[in-house]
Amino acid sequence: MPFTLISGTFSQDISHKLSIILKVPIFKMLSRQSSDRKLHVVAAENFAIDEIFIIMASEFNSSCLNDALMELILFINLCKLSSNAKLTVGSAT
């Protein structure tokens, strides 16, 4: 598999449309927030990928900006720790 997409919580729609157009899968990442507002990110699949594209929304209201940025940081950290794949982050509106 040459590359895959990872979708942030706030960019599910655009990531789904991109995956259909590009005919590439969306990598399964589980992101959830616990009752004490801690964000948890887990890879639901194995990393055997050459390139990873993370798609994040660029328009947020003030209440979810911190959550989206923390999710992005956790996605990047998980990808870098789990794989030596080339990592690209894109912003979608």
C-alpha atoms as a PDB file:
ATOM      1  CA  MET A   1       0.000   0.000   0.000  1.00  0.00           C
ATOM      2  CA  PRO A   2       1.712   3.226  -1.120  1.00  0.00           C
ATOM      3  CA  PHE A   3      -0.129   5.649   1.172  1.00  0.00           C
ATOM      4  CA  THR A   4      -3.154   6.031   3.397  1.00  0.00           C
ATOM      5  CA  LEU A   5      -5.235   8.768   4.988  1.00  0.00           C
ATOM      6  CA  ILE A   6      -5.790   9.433   8.659  1.00  0.00           C
ATOM      7  CA  SER A   7      -8.790  11.557   9.503  1.00  0.00           C
ATOM      8  CA  GLY A   8      -9.174  13.823  12.479  1.00  0.00           C
ATOM      9  CA  THR A   9     -12.426  13.837  14.443  1.00  0.00           C
ATOM     10  CA  PHE A  10     -13.509  17.149  12.915  1.00  0.00           C
ATOM     11  CA  SER A  11     -12.689  16.246   9.279  1.00  0.00           C
ATOM     12  CA  GLN A  12     -14.468  12.929   8.748  1.00  0.00           C
ATOM     13  CA  ASP A  13     -16.581  14.112   5.788  1.00  0.00           C
ATOM     14  CA  ILE A  14     -13.771  15.566   3.674  1.00  0.00           C
ATOM     15  CA  SER A  15     -11.511  12.593   4.427  1.00  0.00           C
ATOM     16  CA  HIS A  16     -14.202  10.167   3.283  1.00  0.00           C
ATOM     17  CA  LYS A  17     -14.662  12.100   0.024  1.00  0.00           C
ATOM     18  CA  LEU A  18     -10.885  12.190  -0.550  1.00  0.00           C
ATOM     19  CA  SER A  19     -10.566   8.454   0.048  1.00  0.00           C
ATOM     20  CA  ILE A  20     -13.235   7.775  -2.578  1.00  0.00           C
ATOM     21  CA  ILE A  21     -11.661  10.114  -5.137  1.00  0.00           C
ATOM     22  CA  LEU A  22      -8.095   8.872  -4.539  1.00  0.00           C
ATOM     23  CA  LYS A  23      -9.190   5.245  -4.042  1.00  0.00           C
ATOM     24  CA  VAL A  24      -7.135   4.870  -0.873  1.00  0.00           C
ATOM     25  CA  PRO A  25      -8.278   3.608   2.534  1.00  0.00           C
ATOM     26  CA  ILE A  26      -8.742   5.682   5.655  1.00  0.00           C
ATOM     27  CA  PHE A  27      -6.502   4.257   8.376  1.00  0.00           C
ATOM     28  CA  LYS A  28      -8.403   3.198  11.472  1.00  0.00           C
ATOM     29  CA  MET A  29      -7.499   5.479  14.371  1.00  0.00           C
ATOM     30  CA  LEU A  30      -9.641   5.500  17.478  1.00  0.00           C
ATOM     31  CA  SER A  31      -9.826   8.831  19.244  1.00  0.00           C
ATOM     32  CA  ARG A  32     -11.909   9.228  22.371  1.00  0.00           C
ATOM     33  CA  GLN A  33     -12.147  11.565  25.300  1.00  0.00           C
ATOM     34  CA  SER A  34     -12.449  10.209  28.812  1.00  0.00           C
ATOM     35  CA  SER A  35     -14.741  11.658  31.472  1.00  0.00           C
ATOM     36  CA  ASP A  36     -11.878  13.754  32.850  1.00  0.00           C
ATOM     37  CA  ARG A  37     -11.395  15.297  29.319  1.00  0.00           C
ATOM     38  CA  LYS A  38      -8.164  13.420  28.572  1.00  0.00           C
ATOM     39  CA  LEU A  39      -7.806  12.539  24.905  1.00  0.00           C
ATOM     40  CA  HIS A  40      -6.819   8.964  24.006  1.00  0.00           C
ATOM     41  CA  VAL A  41      -5.645   7.927  20.514  1.00  0.00           C
ATOM     42  CA  VAL A  42      -5.150   4.282  19.502  1.00  0.00           C
ATOM     43  CA  ALA A  43      -4.130   2.792  16.152  1.00  0.00           C
ATOM     44  CA  ALA A  44      -6.668   0.110  15.263  1.00  0.00           C
ATOM     45  CA  GLU A  45      -4.497  -1.359  12.493  1.00  0.00           C
ATOM     46  CA  ASN A  46      -0.860  -2.240  11.911  1.00  0.00           C
ATOM     47  CA  PHE A  47       1.440   0.356  10.330  1.00  0.00           C
ATOM     48  CA  ALA A  48       2.814  -1.137   7.087  1.00  0.00           C
ATOM     49  CA  ILE A  49       2.612   2.042   5.059  1.00  0.00           C
ATOM     50  CA  ASP A  50       5.121   4.086   3.049  1.00  0.00           C
ATOM     51  CA  GLU A  51       3.319   7.425   3.347  1.00  0.00           C
ATOM     52  CA  ILE A  52       0.704   8.771   5.753  1.00  0.00           C
ATOM     53  CA  PHE A  53      -1.478  11.816   5.116  1.00  0.00           C
ATOM     54  CA  ILE A  54      -3.270  13.279   8.140  1.00  0.00           C
ATOM     55  CA  ILE A  55      -6.311  15.359   7.200  1.00  0.00           C
ATOM     56  CA  MET A  56      -7.424  17.883   9.819  1.00  0.00           C
ATOM     57  CA  ALA A  57     -10.172  20.500   9.673  1.00  0.00           C
ATOM     58  CA  SER A  58      -8.979  24.091   9.631  1.00  0.00           C
ATOM     59  CA  GLU A  59     -12.122  25.806  10.877  1.00  0.00           C
ATOM     60  CA  PHE A  60     -12.974  25.312  14.539  1.00  0.00           C
ATOM     61  CA  ASN A  61     -14.981  27.083  17.133  1.00  0.00           C
ATOM     62  CA  SER A  62     -12.994  28.123  20.169  1.00  0.00           C
ATOM     63  CA  SER A  63     -14.230  25.240  22.328  1.00  0.00           C
ATOM     64  CA  CYS A  64     -12.833  22.483  20.108  1.00  0.00           C
ATOM     65  CA  LEU A  65      -9.600  24.127  18.886  1.00  0.00           C
ATOM     66  CA  ASN A  66      -7.523  22.740  21.755  1.00  0.00           C
ATOM     67  CA  ASP A  67      -9.019  19.259  21.300  1.00  0.00           C
ATOM     68  CA  ALA A  68      -8.255  19.288  17.571  1.00  0.00           C
ATOM     69  CA  LEU A  69      -4.658  20.453  18.083  1.00  0.00           C
ATOM     70  CA  MET A  70      -4.053  17.874  20.810  1.00  0.00           C
ATOM     71  CA  GLU A  71      -5.532  15.158  18.577  1.00  0.00           C
ATOM     72  CA  LEU A  72      -3.168  16.218  15.767  1.00  0.00           C
ATOM     73  CA  ILE A  73      -0.149  16.113  18.084  1.00  0.00           C
ATOM     74  CA  LEU A  74      -1.141  12.651  19.348  1.00  0.00           C
ATOM     75  CA  PHE A  75      -1.672  11.376  15.768  1.00  0.00           C
ATOM     76  CA  ILE A  76       1.771  12.627  14.730  1.00  0.00           C
ATOM     77  CA  ASN A  77       3.406  11.142  17.827  1.00  0.00           C
ATOM     78  CA  LEU A  78       1.738   7.762  17.325  1.00  0.00           C
ATOM     79  CA  CYS A  79       2.683   7.659  13.639  1.00  0.00           C
ATOM     80  CA  LYS A  80       6.302   8.567  14.296  1.00  0.00           C
ATOM     81  CA  LEU A  81       6.673   6.056  17.122  1.00  0.00           C
ATOM     82  CA  SER A  82       5.016   3.237  15.169  1.00  0.00           C
ATOM     83  CA  SER A  83       6.436   3.693  11.692  1.00  0.00           C
ATOM     84  CA  ASN A  84       9.217   5.276   9.691  1.00  0.00           C
ATOM     85  CA  ALA A  85       6.713   6.331   7.020  1.00  0.00           C
ATOM     86  CA  LYS A  86       6.778   9.783   5.477  1.00  0.00           C
ATOM     87  CA  LEU A  87       4.190  11.896   7.287  1.00  0.00           C
ATOM     88  CA  THR A  88       2.245  14.808   5.735  1.00  0.00           C
ATOM     89  CA  VAL A  89      -0.414  16.896   7.475  1.00  0.00           C
ATOM     90  CA  GLY A  90      -3.069  18.641   5.408  1.00  0.00           C
ATOM     91  CA  SER A  91      -5.737  21.104   6.376  1.00  0.00           C
ATOM     92  CA  ALA A  92      -9.265  20.843   4.986  1.00  0.00           C
ATOM     93  CA  THR A  93     -12.139  23.295   5.234  1.00  0.00           C
END
